[in-house]
Structures are given as C-alpha cells and as structure tokens.
C-alpha cells in the first residue's frame, strides 16, 4: 500500500484499538482530532479522507460509520450531507439515550444511575457531553 507523508504523520499519532485507528494527538471538545496541514487547522478524519480518497466535494462532510469521533481509520469514513449525519445520529441513538438527553435539556440534570452508565457507554456519554455544553 502506498501512503503519503501526511497519512504517515497521521498514523504516527494514532493507535489501533478494536479495529479503530484512534487519534492520540490534539482534539477538540467533542473528541474529533485536530492537526495543522500547510499552515491550516483541520480535522484529522477529514485530513485522512483527503489523503486516502482525494478531495471532499463541496457540500459534503466526512462522517464515521463507527460513531467514534477520534477514529481516523479510512474504512470507517464516508462522505455524506449534514442531513445524512443527523439521520445516522438519530438511527444509532437508543431510546434510553434520547430520554436522558431530553431530561438534560428540560431539567439540566441527570440521575446518578445515568452518570454511572455514561462512563460505560462512550456513545451515550459523548451525546450528552455535546448537548450539555
């Protein structure tokens, strides 16, 4: 497999865990990796997409099939619209997580039971962190 210098640089700051390629460098509050390429700040999953598959067409976003923001595994990335991203989020988010998110929005609190569960469920805790900010 032929790789570029940028792809090699991205892979050097990532570790393979359970089939994911997890970025271990700088990340934003939502967990998406950040890097600087040619003097511009960019998301690591976008940078990886461009290195492996080419330019991202206008109006499209790089989305994750694995719902893991720091994952830069090329096989876990795909192009889609903002609506595709919203639809995927709704489809993947379980009823329990929706109920907790709604409770958080309405009351500003969660139960102790949920806090314990959030620790064991990355997807659910990530959704609540994003809503809570």
N, C-alpha and C. Protein backbone atom coordinates (compact mmCIF):
# COMPACT_ATOMS: atom_id res chain seq x y z
N UNK A 1 0.84 -1.18 0.00
CA UNK A 1 0.00 0.00 0.00
C UNK A 1 0.89 1.24 0.00
N UNK A 2 0.62 2.17 -0.89
CA UNK A 2 1.38 3.41 -0.97
C UNK A 2 0.70 4.44 -0.07
N UNK A 3 1.49 5.07 0.80
CA UNK A 3 0.94 6.12 1.67
C UNK A 3 1.67 7.42 1.41
N UNK A 4 1.05 8.51 1.79
CA UNK A 4 1.67 9.82 1.65
C UNK A 4 2.36 10.19 2.96
N UNK A 5 3.18 11.22 2.92
CA UNK A 5 3.83 11.70 4.14
C UNK A 5 2.80 12.17 5.16
N UNK A 6 1.73 12.82 4.69
CA UNK A 6 0.68 13.29 5.61
C UNK A 6 -0.02 12.10 6.25
N UNK A 7 -0.35 11.10 5.46
CA UNK A 7 -1.00 9.90 6.02
C UNK A 7 -0.08 9.23 7.04
N UNK A 8 1.19 9.13 6.72
CA UNK A 8 2.15 8.55 7.67
C UNK A 8 2.19 9.37 8.96
N UNK A 9 2.16 10.69 8.84
CA UNK A 9 2.17 11.57 10.02
C UNK A 9 0.93 11.36 10.87
N UNK A 10 -0.23 11.24 10.22
CA UNK A 10 -1.48 10.98 10.95
C UNK A 10 -1.43 9.63 11.66
N UNK A 11 -0.99 8.60 10.96
CA UNK A 11 -0.93 7.26 11.54
C UNK A 11 0.07 7.20 12.70
N UNK A 12 1.13 8.01 12.65
CA UNK A 12 2.14 8.00 13.71
C UNK A 12 1.58 8.49 15.04
N UNK A 13 0.50 9.28 15.00
CA UNK A 13 -0.11 9.80 16.24
C UNK A 13 -1.41 9.08 16.56
N UNK A 14 -1.55 7.87 16.06
CA UNK A 14 -2.77 7.10 16.30
C UNK A 14 -2.39 5.69 16.74
N UNK A 15 -3.33 5.04 17.42
CA UNK A 15 -3.14 3.64 17.83
C UNK A 15 -4.33 2.83 17.36
N UNK A 16 -4.06 1.56 17.02
CA UNK A 16 -5.14 0.67 16.60
C UNK A 16 -5.75 0.02 17.84
N UNK A 17 -7.07 0.18 17.98
CA UNK A 17 -7.81 -0.42 19.08
C UNK A 17 -9.11 -0.98 18.53
N UNK A 18 -9.31 -2.28 18.67
CA UNK A 18 -10.55 -2.94 18.24
C UNK A 18 -10.97 -2.55 16.82
N UNK A 19 -10.03 -2.50 15.90
CA UNK A 19 -10.34 -2.18 14.51
C UNK A 19 -10.41 -0.70 14.20
N UNK A 20 -10.34 0.15 15.22
CA UNK A 20 -10.34 1.61 15.02
C UNK A 20 -8.90 2.09 14.96
N UNK A 21 -8.67 3.21 14.31
CA UNK A 21 -7.39 3.90 14.33
C UNK A 21 -7.64 5.19 15.10
N UNK A 22 -7.31 5.18 16.39
CA UNK A 22 -7.68 6.26 17.30
C UNK A 22 -6.59 7.33 17.37
N UNK A 23 -6.98 8.56 17.05
CA UNK A 23 -6.08 9.71 17.10
C UNK A 23 -5.73 10.01 18.55
N UNK A 24 -4.44 10.16 18.84
CA UNK A 24 -3.98 10.42 20.21
C UNK A 24 -3.38 11.82 20.36
N UNK A 25 -3.46 12.62 19.33
CA UNK A 25 -2.93 13.97 19.40
C UNK A 25 -3.99 14.94 19.92
N UNK A 26 -3.86 16.19 19.55
CA UNK A 26 -4.78 17.25 19.97
C UNK A 26 -6.17 16.96 19.43
N UNK A 27 -7.19 17.22 20.27
CA UNK A 27 -8.57 17.04 19.81
C UNK A 27 -9.42 18.21 20.30
N UNK A 28 -10.57 18.38 19.67
CA UNK A 28 -11.49 19.43 20.10
C UNK A 28 -12.37 18.90 21.24
N UNK A 29 -13.21 19.74 21.86
CA UNK A 29 -14.03 19.27 22.99
C UNK A 29 -14.97 18.11 22.66
N UNK A 30 -15.35 17.95 21.41
CA UNK A 30 -16.24 16.86 21.02
C UNK A 30 -15.47 15.56 20.76
N UNK A 31 -14.14 15.60 20.83
CA UNK A 31 -13.34 14.40 20.65
C UNK A 31 -12.76 14.20 19.26
N UNK A 32 -13.06 15.09 18.32
CA UNK A 32 -12.51 14.98 16.98
C UNK A 32 -11.07 15.48 16.97
N UNK A 33 -10.17 14.70 16.34
CA UNK A 33 -8.77 15.08 16.27
C UNK A 33 -8.56 16.34 15.45
N UNK A 34 -7.54 17.09 15.83
CA UNK A 34 -7.17 18.30 15.10
C UNK A 34 -5.70 18.22 14.74
N UNK A 35 -5.36 18.75 13.57
CA UNK A 35 -3.97 18.82 13.15
C UNK A 35 -3.79 20.05 12.26
N UNK A 36 -2.56 20.38 11.98
CA UNK A 36 -2.26 21.50 11.10
C UNK A 36 -1.56 20.97 9.86
N UNK A 37 -2.12 21.30 8.71
CA UNK A 37 -1.54 20.92 7.42
C UNK A 37 -1.34 22.17 6.58
N UNK A 38 -0.15 22.35 6.10
CA UNK A 38 0.17 23.51 5.27
C UNK A 38 -0.29 24.82 5.92
N UNK A 39 -0.13 24.90 7.25
CA UNK A 39 -0.47 26.11 7.98
C UNK A 39 -1.93 26.29 8.33
N UNK A 40 -2.77 25.32 7.97
CA UNK A 40 -4.21 25.42 8.25
C UNK A 40 -4.65 24.32 9.23
N UNK A 41 -5.47 24.69 10.21
CA UNK A 41 -6.02 23.71 11.15
C UNK A 41 -7.13 22.93 10.46
N UNK A 42 -7.13 21.62 10.67
CA UNK A 42 -8.16 20.78 10.06
C UNK A 42 -8.44 19.58 10.97
N UNK A 43 -9.58 18.96 10.76
CA UNK A 43 -9.93 17.75 11.49
C UNK A 43 -9.13 16.58 10.93
N UNK A 44 -8.69 15.70 11.81
CA UNK A 44 -7.86 14.59 11.37
C UNK A 44 -8.62 13.59 10.49
N UNK A 45 -9.92 13.40 10.74
CA UNK A 45 -10.66 12.46 9.90
C UNK A 45 -10.82 13.02 8.49
N UNK A 46 -10.96 14.35 8.37
CA UNK A 46 -11.03 14.98 7.04
C UNK A 46 -9.68 14.86 6.33
N UNK A 47 -8.60 15.12 7.08
CA UNK A 47 -7.26 15.03 6.51
C UNK A 47 -6.98 13.61 6.00
N UNK A 48 -7.37 12.62 6.80
CA UNK A 48 -7.14 11.22 6.40
C UNK A 48 -7.96 10.91 5.14
N UNK A 49 -9.22 11.33 5.11
CA UNK A 49 -10.04 11.09 3.92
C UNK A 49 -9.35 11.63 2.68
N UNK A 50 -8.92 12.88 2.76
CA UNK A 50 -8.31 13.52 1.59
C UNK A 50 -7.03 12.82 1.15
N UNK A 51 -6.25 12.32 2.11
CA UNK A 51 -5.01 11.63 1.77
C UNK A 51 -5.27 10.28 1.11
N UNK A 52 -6.31 9.59 1.56
CA UNK A 52 -6.58 8.25 1.05
C UNK A 52 -7.47 8.27 -0.19
N UNK A 53 -8.53 9.09 -0.15
CA UNK A 53 -9.55 9.05 -1.20
C UNK A 53 -9.59 10.27 -2.12
N UNK A 54 -8.98 11.37 -1.71
CA UNK A 54 -8.98 12.57 -2.56
C UNK A 54 -9.83 13.69 -1.96
N UNK A 55 -10.04 14.75 -2.74
CA UNK A 55 -10.75 15.93 -2.24
C UNK A 55 -12.19 15.63 -1.80
N UNK A 56 -12.65 16.43 -0.87
CA UNK A 56 -14.03 16.33 -0.38
C UNK A 56 -14.87 17.31 -1.20
N UNK A 57 -15.85 16.81 -1.95
CA UNK A 57 -16.67 17.71 -2.76
C UNK A 57 -17.42 18.75 -1.90
N UNK A 58 -17.63 19.91 -2.47
CA UNK A 58 -18.35 20.98 -1.78
C UNK A 58 -19.72 20.48 -1.33
N UNK A 59 -20.08 20.84 -0.10
CA UNK A 59 -21.39 20.47 0.43
C UNK A 59 -21.42 19.12 1.12
N UNK A 60 -20.32 18.37 1.07
CA UNK A 60 -20.28 17.06 1.72
C UNK A 60 -19.37 17.10 2.94
N UNK A 61 -19.60 16.18 3.86
CA UNK A 61 -18.85 16.08 5.09
C UNK A 61 -18.28 14.67 5.19
N UNK A 62 -17.22 14.53 5.97
CA UNK A 62 -16.65 13.20 6.24
C UNK A 62 -17.30 12.70 7.52
N UNK A 63 -18.02 11.58 7.41
CA UNK A 63 -18.77 11.01 8.52
C UNK A 63 -18.14 9.69 8.94
N UNK A 64 -18.48 9.24 10.15
CA UNK A 64 -17.95 8.00 10.70
C UNK A 64 -19.02 6.89 10.68
N UNK A 65 -18.68 5.74 10.15
CA UNK A 65 -19.60 4.59 10.26
C UNK A 65 -19.56 4.03 11.68
N UNK A 66 -18.49 4.31 12.42
CA UNK A 66 -18.29 3.72 13.74
C UNK A 66 -18.73 4.62 14.89
N UNK A 67 -19.17 5.83 14.59
CA UNK A 67 -19.60 6.76 15.66
C UNK A 67 -18.51 7.02 16.70
N UNK A 68 -17.26 7.02 16.28
CA UNK A 68 -16.14 7.24 17.20
C UNK A 68 -15.36 8.46 16.71
N UNK A 69 -15.61 9.64 17.31
CA UNK A 69 -15.00 10.87 16.81
C UNK A 69 -13.48 10.85 16.61
N UNK A 70 -12.69 10.22 17.51
CA UNK A 70 -11.25 10.26 17.26
C UNK A 70 -10.75 9.21 16.25
N UNK A 71 -11.65 8.41 15.69
CA UNK A 71 -11.24 7.37 14.74
C UNK A 71 -10.89 8.00 13.39
N UNK A 72 -9.70 7.63 12.88
CA UNK A 72 -9.28 8.10 11.56
C UNK A 72 -9.06 6.92 10.60
N UNK A 73 -9.60 5.76 10.95
CA UNK A 73 -9.48 4.57 10.10
C UNK A 73 -10.20 4.87 8.77
N UNK A 74 -9.49 4.89 7.64
CA UNK A 74 -10.12 5.24 6.37
C UNK A 74 -11.37 4.41 6.05
N UNK A 75 -11.36 3.12 6.40
CA UNK A 75 -12.51 2.26 6.12
C UNK A 75 -13.73 2.61 6.97
N UNK A 76 -13.57 3.42 8.01
CA UNK A 76 -14.68 3.83 8.86
C UNK A 76 -15.24 5.20 8.48
N UNK A 77 -14.71 5.77 7.41
CA UNK A 77 -15.12 7.12 6.99
C UNK A 77 -15.90 7.04 5.68
N UNK A 78 -16.87 7.94 5.55
CA UNK A 78 -17.62 8.02 4.30
C UNK A 78 -18.10 9.45 4.11
N UNK A 79 -18.45 9.79 2.89
CA UNK A 79 -18.94 11.14 2.61
C UNK A 79 -20.45 11.17 2.71
N UNK A 80 -20.97 12.27 3.24
CA UNK A 80 -22.40 12.43 3.34
C UNK A 80 -22.76 13.89 3.58
N UNK A 81 -24.03 14.15 3.60
CA UNK A 81 -24.54 15.50 3.83
C UNK A 81 -24.77 15.72 5.33
N UNK A 82 -25.05 16.95 5.69
CA UNK A 82 -25.40 17.26 7.08
C UNK A 82 -26.65 16.46 7.49
N UNK A 83 -27.60 16.32 6.56
CA UNK A 83 -28.81 15.54 6.83
C UNK A 83 -28.48 14.07 7.06
N UNK A 84 -27.57 13.50 6.25
CA UNK A 84 -27.13 12.11 6.47
C UNK A 84 -26.57 11.94 7.87
N UNK A 85 -25.78 12.90 8.31
CA UNK A 85 -25.18 12.84 9.64
C UNK A 85 -26.26 12.87 10.72
N UNK A 86 -27.24 13.76 10.57
CA UNK A 86 -28.34 13.85 11.54
C UNK A 86 -29.16 12.56 11.55
N UNK A 87 -29.46 12.04 10.37
CA UNK A 87 -30.24 10.80 10.28
C UNK A 87 -29.50 9.63 10.93
N UNK A 88 -28.19 9.54 10.68
CA UNK A 88 -27.39 8.47 11.28
C UNK A 88 -27.39 8.59 12.80
N UNK A 89 -27.23 9.81 13.30
CA UNK A 89 -27.21 10.02 14.74
C UNK A 89 -28.54 9.57 15.36
N UNK A 90 -29.64 9.95 14.75
CA UNK A 90 -30.95 9.56 15.28
C UNK A 90 -31.15 8.05 15.24
N UNK A 91 -30.71 7.42 14.15
CA UNK A 91 -30.87 5.98 13.99
C UNK A 91 -30.02 5.21 15.01
N UNK A 92 -28.82 5.69 15.27
CA UNK A 92 -27.91 4.98 16.17
C UNK A 92 -28.19 5.25 17.64
N UNK A 93 -28.81 6.35 17.93
CA UNK A 93 -29.02 6.75 19.32
C UNK A 93 -30.22 5.98 19.87
N UNK A 94 -30.00 5.22 20.92
CA UNK A 94 -31.07 4.41 21.50
C UNK A 94 -32.11 5.26 22.21
N UNK A 95 -33.28 4.69 22.47
CA UNK A 95 -34.36 5.40 23.15
C UNK A 95 -33.92 5.89 24.52
N UNK A 96 -33.16 5.07 25.24
CA UNK A 96 -32.71 5.47 26.58
C UNK A 96 -31.86 6.73 26.50
N UNK A 97 -30.93 6.77 25.55
CA UNK A 97 -30.09 7.96 25.42
C UNK A 97 -30.93 9.17 25.04
N UNK A 98 -31.94 8.98 24.18
CA UNK A 98 -32.82 10.10 23.83
C UNK A 98 -33.55 10.61 25.06
N UNK A 99 -34.05 9.70 25.89
CA UNK A 99 -34.77 10.10 27.10
C UNK A 99 -33.86 10.88 28.04
N UNK A 100 -32.61 10.41 28.20
CA UNK A 100 -31.67 11.10 29.08
C UNK A 100 -31.33 12.46 28.52
N UNK A 101 -31.10 12.55 27.20
CA UNK A 101 -30.79 13.83 26.59
C UNK A 101 -31.96 14.79 26.75
N UNK A 102 -33.18 14.33 26.55
CA UNK A 102 -34.36 15.17 26.73
C UNK A 102 -34.45 15.64 28.18
N UNK A 103 -34.23 14.75 29.14
CA UNK A 103 -34.26 15.12 30.55
C UNK A 103 -33.21 16.19 30.85
N UNK A 104 -32.04 16.02 30.28
CA UNK A 104 -30.98 17.00 30.49
C UNK A 104 -31.39 18.36 29.93
N UNK A 105 -31.97 18.38 28.74
CA UNK A 105 -32.41 19.64 28.15
C UNK A 105 -33.50 20.31 28.98
N UNK A 106 -34.45 19.52 29.50
CA UNK A 106 -35.57 20.08 30.23
C UNK A 106 -35.23 20.47 31.66
N UNK A 107 -34.38 19.69 32.33
CA UNK A 107 -34.12 19.93 33.75
C UNK A 107 -32.70 20.36 34.07
N UNK A 108 -31.79 20.15 33.14
CA UNK A 108 -30.39 20.48 33.39
C UNK A 108 -29.69 19.49 34.30
N UNK A 109 -30.30 18.33 34.57
CA UNK A 109 -29.68 17.34 35.46
C UNK A 109 -29.81 15.94 34.87
N UNK A 110 -28.96 15.04 35.37
CA UNK A 110 -29.20 13.64 35.10
C UNK A 110 -29.19 12.89 36.42
N UNK A 111 -29.65 11.68 36.35
CA UNK A 111 -29.69 10.86 37.57
C UNK A 111 -28.33 10.24 37.81
N UNK A 112 -28.08 9.83 39.02
CA UNK A 112 -26.83 9.16 39.35
C UNK A 112 -26.69 7.87 38.54
N UNK A 113 -27.80 7.15 38.33
CA UNK A 113 -27.75 5.92 37.54
C UNK A 113 -27.21 6.19 36.15
N UNK A 114 -27.64 7.30 35.55
CA UNK A 114 -27.16 7.59 34.21
C UNK A 114 -25.68 7.94 34.22
N UNK A 115 -25.21 8.68 35.20
CA UNK A 115 -23.80 9.04 35.25
C UNK A 115 -22.92 7.80 35.28
N UNK A 116 -23.34 6.78 36.02
CA UNK A 116 -22.59 5.52 36.05
C UNK A 116 -22.65 4.85 34.69
N UNK A 117 -23.82 4.85 34.06
CA UNK A 117 -23.94 4.22 32.75
C UNK A 117 -23.15 4.99 31.70
N UNK A 118 -23.10 6.32 31.81
CA UNK A 118 -22.37 7.13 30.83
C UNK A 118 -20.90 6.76 30.80
N UNK A 119 -20.34 6.41 31.93
CA UNK A 119 -18.94 6.01 31.99
C UNK A 119 -18.72 4.75 31.17
N UNK A 120 -19.69 3.83 31.15
CA UNK A 120 -19.50 2.57 30.44
C UNK A 120 -20.00 2.62 29.01
N UNK A 121 -20.56 3.72 28.57
CA UNK A 121 -21.09 3.80 27.21
C UNK A 121 -20.59 5.06 26.52
N UNK A 122 -19.52 4.92 25.75
CA UNK A 122 -18.90 6.06 25.10
C UNK A 122 -19.89 6.83 24.23
N UNK A 123 -20.71 6.13 23.45
CA UNK A 123 -21.63 6.82 22.55
C UNK A 123 -22.62 7.66 23.33
N UNK A 124 -23.19 7.12 24.39
CA UNK A 124 -24.19 7.86 25.16
C UNK A 124 -23.55 9.03 25.90
N UNK A 125 -22.38 8.84 26.50
CA UNK A 125 -21.76 9.93 27.24
C UNK A 125 -21.33 11.02 26.28
N UNK A 126 -20.89 10.64 25.08
CA UNK A 126 -20.50 11.63 24.08
C UNK A 126 -21.70 12.49 23.68
N UNK A 127 -22.85 11.84 23.46
CA UNK A 127 -24.05 12.61 23.08
C UNK A 127 -24.43 13.59 24.18
N UNK A 128 -24.37 13.16 25.41
CA UNK A 128 -24.76 14.05 26.50
C UNK A 128 -23.76 15.17 26.67
N UNK A 129 -22.48 14.88 26.52
CA UNK A 129 -21.48 15.94 26.62
C UNK A 129 -21.73 17.00 25.57
N UNK A 130 -22.07 16.60 24.36
CA UNK A 130 -22.29 17.57 23.29
C UNK A 130 -23.52 18.42 23.59
N UNK A 131 -24.57 17.83 24.11
CA UNK A 131 -25.78 18.57 24.43
C UNK A 131 -25.55 19.48 25.63
N UNK A 132 -24.77 19.01 26.60
CA UNK A 132 -24.58 19.75 27.83
C UNK A 132 -23.73 21.00 27.68
N UNK A 133 -22.94 21.11 26.67
CA UNK A 133 -22.05 22.27 26.50
C UNK A 133 -22.78 23.51 26.12
